[in-house]
Amino acid sequence: MGTVTVMLRGGPADGAVRELSAGPDGGPPAVWVLEQRNSVPGMTPDQDHRYEAEPEPAADGTWTMTYVRSTPGRRRQR
């Protein structure tokens, strides 16, 4: 299993490009969650930001994942 290049559209990570694990079909996961745990300027800490994959990649092979919503993050137990 390889990786795919995705561009995040909308939300707090708008315009960011990431490498994600490719699924069995060669595309990105249908849903990907950006977990925000640290205090970063312009972003609310302890938020989960949900992105969903577009059905087809762009002509250059990059997939787009579109922002859906943010929700309070789940606290991780240590």
Foldseek 3Di string as FASTA:
>chain_A
DAWAWEAEPDDPRHGDIDIADADPVRHHDQKDWDQAADDDPPDDHQKIWIWGWDPDDDPVRYTYTYTDDIDGHDDDDD
